[in-house]
Amino acid sequence: MATYAIISLGGKQYRVQEGQKLLVDRLPYDANKTFHPAILFAGGDGVAELKPKDLQVTARVVDHVLGDKIRVGKYKPKVGYKRHTGHRSRLSQVEIQAIGAKAARKPKAEVEEQPKAAAEKPAAEKAPAEKPKRTAKKTETEAAE
């Protein structure tokens, strides 16, 4: 079993182990929701795999937080140019719960096929009716002729 994995979150890569907490760019999941990030590499115990298919990482969003305030100052001497801006990054705190095998999926029940006659619709119903093209309005002199 893999002891660590390299996952991809938000266009960045992280090396993670079970129980590890990390701050990543804001994720679209609510707090206390679990998700499965994409695995790029799994390793440990003398075994290494690129993009393992039989492995999944389970992660939980602990909370959404704001990062440290970053101040940016611009200054040009002898011109009187001074600007101050800054920002706080919106982050998500993520906890890696498990690195393990995927749960076995049950095969889906075979879907009954619909009769072809019922599935096919006439061509007139499929295509929307075309609107007539607009023509220029006739002037009073043209209408009189």
Protein backbone atom coordinates (compact mmCIF):
# COMPACT_ATOMS: atom_id res chain seq x y z
CA MET A 1 0.00 0.00 0.00
CA ALA A 2 1.21 3.49 -0.81
CA THR A 3 2.39 5.62 2.08
CA TYR A 4 2.37 8.89 0.15
CA ALA A 5 0.87 10.31 -3.02
CA ILE A 6 1.29 13.33 -5.24
CA ILE A 7 -2.09 14.88 -6.00
CA SER A 8 -3.23 17.75 -8.20
CA LEU A 9 -5.48 20.45 -6.73
CA GLY A 10 -6.23 23.74 -8.43
CA GLY A 11 -3.42 23.41 -10.97
CA LYS A 12 -0.80 22.79 -8.27
CA GLN A 13 0.78 19.56 -7.06
CA TYR A 14 1.11 18.46 -3.44
CA ARG A 15 2.91 15.53 -1.81
CA VAL A 16 0.53 14.19 0.84
CA GLN A 17 0.36 11.50 3.51
CA GLU A 18 -2.55 10.24 5.62
CA GLY A 19 -3.53 12.64 8.40
CA GLN A 20 -1.72 15.60 6.82
CA LYS A 21 -3.38 19.04 6.73
CA LEU A 22 -2.55 21.59 4.06
CA LEU A 23 -3.72 24.99 2.81
CA VAL A 24 -4.69 25.13 -0.86
CA ASP A 25 -6.44 27.66 -3.10
CA ARG A 26 -10.18 27.91 -2.42
CA LEU A 27 -12.05 24.75 -3.46
CA PRO A 28 -15.67 24.59 -4.66
CA TYR A 29 -16.64 22.14 -1.88
CA ASP A 30 -18.45 23.04 1.36
CA ALA A 31 -16.82 22.58 4.77
CA ASN A 32 -16.75 18.97 6.08
CA LYS A 33 -17.34 17.52 2.60
CA THR A 34 -15.07 14.78 1.26
CA PHE A 35 -13.72 14.55 -2.27
CA HIS A 36 -11.20 12.53 -4.29
CA PRO A 37 -8.44 14.59 -5.99
CA ALA A 38 -6.58 13.37 -9.07
CA ILE A 39 -3.55 11.20 -8.24
CA LEU A 40 -0.41 11.75 -10.30
CA PHE A 41 1.97 9.44 -8.43
CA ALA A 42 1.86 7.01 -5.51
CA GLY A 43 4.85 5.63 -3.69
CA GLY A 44 6.27 4.12 -0.54
CA ASP A 45 7.22 0.66 0.74
CA GLY A 46 9.47 0.14 -2.29
CA VAL A 47 6.61 0.47 -4.78
CA ALA A 48 6.10 3.41 -7.14
CA GLU A 49 3.29 3.95 -9.64
CA LEU A 50 2.53 6.70 -12.12
CA LYS A 51 -1.20 7.48 -12.31
CA PRO A 52 -2.40 4.43 -10.37
CA LYS A 53 -5.87 3.26 -11.39
CA ASP A 54 -6.63 1.10 -8.36
CA LEU A 55 -5.83 3.81 -5.80
CA GLN A 56 -7.70 6.84 -4.54
CA VAL A 57 -7.00 9.62 -2.06
CA THR A 58 -9.84 10.71 0.21
CA ALA A 59 -9.62 14.32 1.36
CA ARG A 60 -11.93 16.41 3.56
CA VAL A 61 -12.38 20.18 3.48
CA VAL A 62 -11.91 21.28 7.09
CA ASP A 63 -12.66 24.99 6.64
CA HIS A 64 -12.39 27.97 4.32
CA VAL A 65 -9.97 30.62 5.61
CA LEU A 66 -8.24 33.83 4.56
CA GLY A 67 -4.49 33.87 4.12
CA ASP A 68 -2.10 36.44 5.59
CA LYS A 69 -2.45 40.02 4.43
CA ILE A 70 0.07 40.91 1.74
CA ARG A 71 0.96 44.59 1.30
CA VAL A 72 2.41 45.88 -1.97
CA GLY A 73 3.99 49.34 -2.18
CA LYS A 74 5.14 51.10 -5.33
CA TYR A 75 7.39 54.17 -5.28
CA LYS A 76 9.20 56.22 -7.91
CA PRO A 77 11.70 58.74 -6.63
CA LYS A 78 11.56 62.42 -7.58
CA VAL A 79 8.08 62.17 -9.13
CA GLY A 80 5.85 61.89 -6.08
CA TYR A 81 4.44 58.54 -7.20
CA LYS A 82 3.33 56.30 -4.32
CA ARG A 83 0.75 53.50 -4.46
CA HIS A 84 -0.22 50.97 -1.82
CA THR A 85 -2.32 47.89 -2.53
CA GLY A 86 -2.65 44.45 -1.03
CA HIS A 87 -4.77 41.34 -0.78
CA ARG A 88 -5.63 38.30 1.31
CA SER A 89 -5.76 34.95 -0.48
CA ARG A 90 -8.89 32.86 -0.10
CA LEU A 91 -7.78 29.40 0.97
CA SER A 92 -9.25 26.04 1.95
CA GLN A 93 -7.80 23.89 4.70
CA VAL A 94 -7.77 20.26 3.58
CA GLU A 95 -7.12 17.10 5.61
CA ILE A 96 -6.01 13.90 3.88
CA GLN A 97 -8.08 11.13 5.42
CA ALA A 98 -6.94 8.05 3.53
CA ILE A 99 -4.72 6.80 0.74
CA GLY A 100 -6.05 3.42 -0.25
CA ALA A 101 -7.74 1.12 -2.72
CA LYS A 102 -10.94 2.14 -4.43
CA ALA A 103 -14.15 0.58 -3.22
CA ALA A 104 -15.40 -2.18 -5.50
CA ARG A 105 -18.24 -0.90 -7.65
CA LYS A 106 -21.35 -2.90 -8.24
CA PRO A 107 -22.14 -3.50 -11.92
CA LYS A 108 -25.02 -1.40 -13.17
CA ALA A 109 -28.24 -3.18 -14.00
CA GLU A 110 -28.79 -3.47 -17.71
CA VAL A 111 -31.03 -0.72 -18.96
CA GLU A 112 -34.02 -1.90 -20.96
CA GLU A 113 -33.87 -0.60 -24.50
CA GLN A 114 -36.78 1.45 -25.78
CA PRO A 115 -38.39 0.42 -29.03
CA LYS A 116 -36.77 2.25 -31.95
CA ALA A 117 -40.11 3.56 -33.23
CA ALA A 118 -40.76 5.37 -29.95
CA ALA A 119 -37.21 6.71 -29.73
CA GLU A 120 -37.18 8.21 -33.22
CA LYS A 121 -39.06 11.43 -33.87
CA PRO A 122 -40.05 12.77 -37.27
CA ALA A 123 -37.60 15.27 -38.75
CA ALA A 124 -40.24 18.02 -38.64
CA GLU A 125 -40.39 17.84 -34.84
CA LYS A 126 -36.61 17.85 -34.35
CA ALA A 127 -35.73 20.98 -36.36
CA PRO A 128 -37.25 24.29 -35.22
CA ALA A 129 -39.24 26.20 -37.80
CA GLU A 130 -37.21 28.86 -39.60
CA LYS A 131 -38.27 32.46 -39.22
CA PRO A 132 -38.86 34.44 -42.42
CA LYS A 133 -36.06 36.86 -43.21
CA ARG A 134 -36.66 40.52 -42.51
CA THR A 135 -36.96 42.76 -45.53
CA ALA A 136 -36.44 46.48 -45.75
CA LYS A 137 -39.58 48.52 -45.24
CA LYS A 138 -40.98 50.09 -48.37
CA THR A 139 -41.04 53.84 -48.56
CA GLU A 140 -44.26 55.66 -49.33
CA THR A 141 -43.25 56.21 -52.97
CA GLU A 142 -42.48 52.53 -53.51
CA ALA A 143 -45.74 51.50 -51.86
CA ALA A 144 -47.70 53.82 -54.18
CA GLU A 145 -46.18 52.27 -57.31
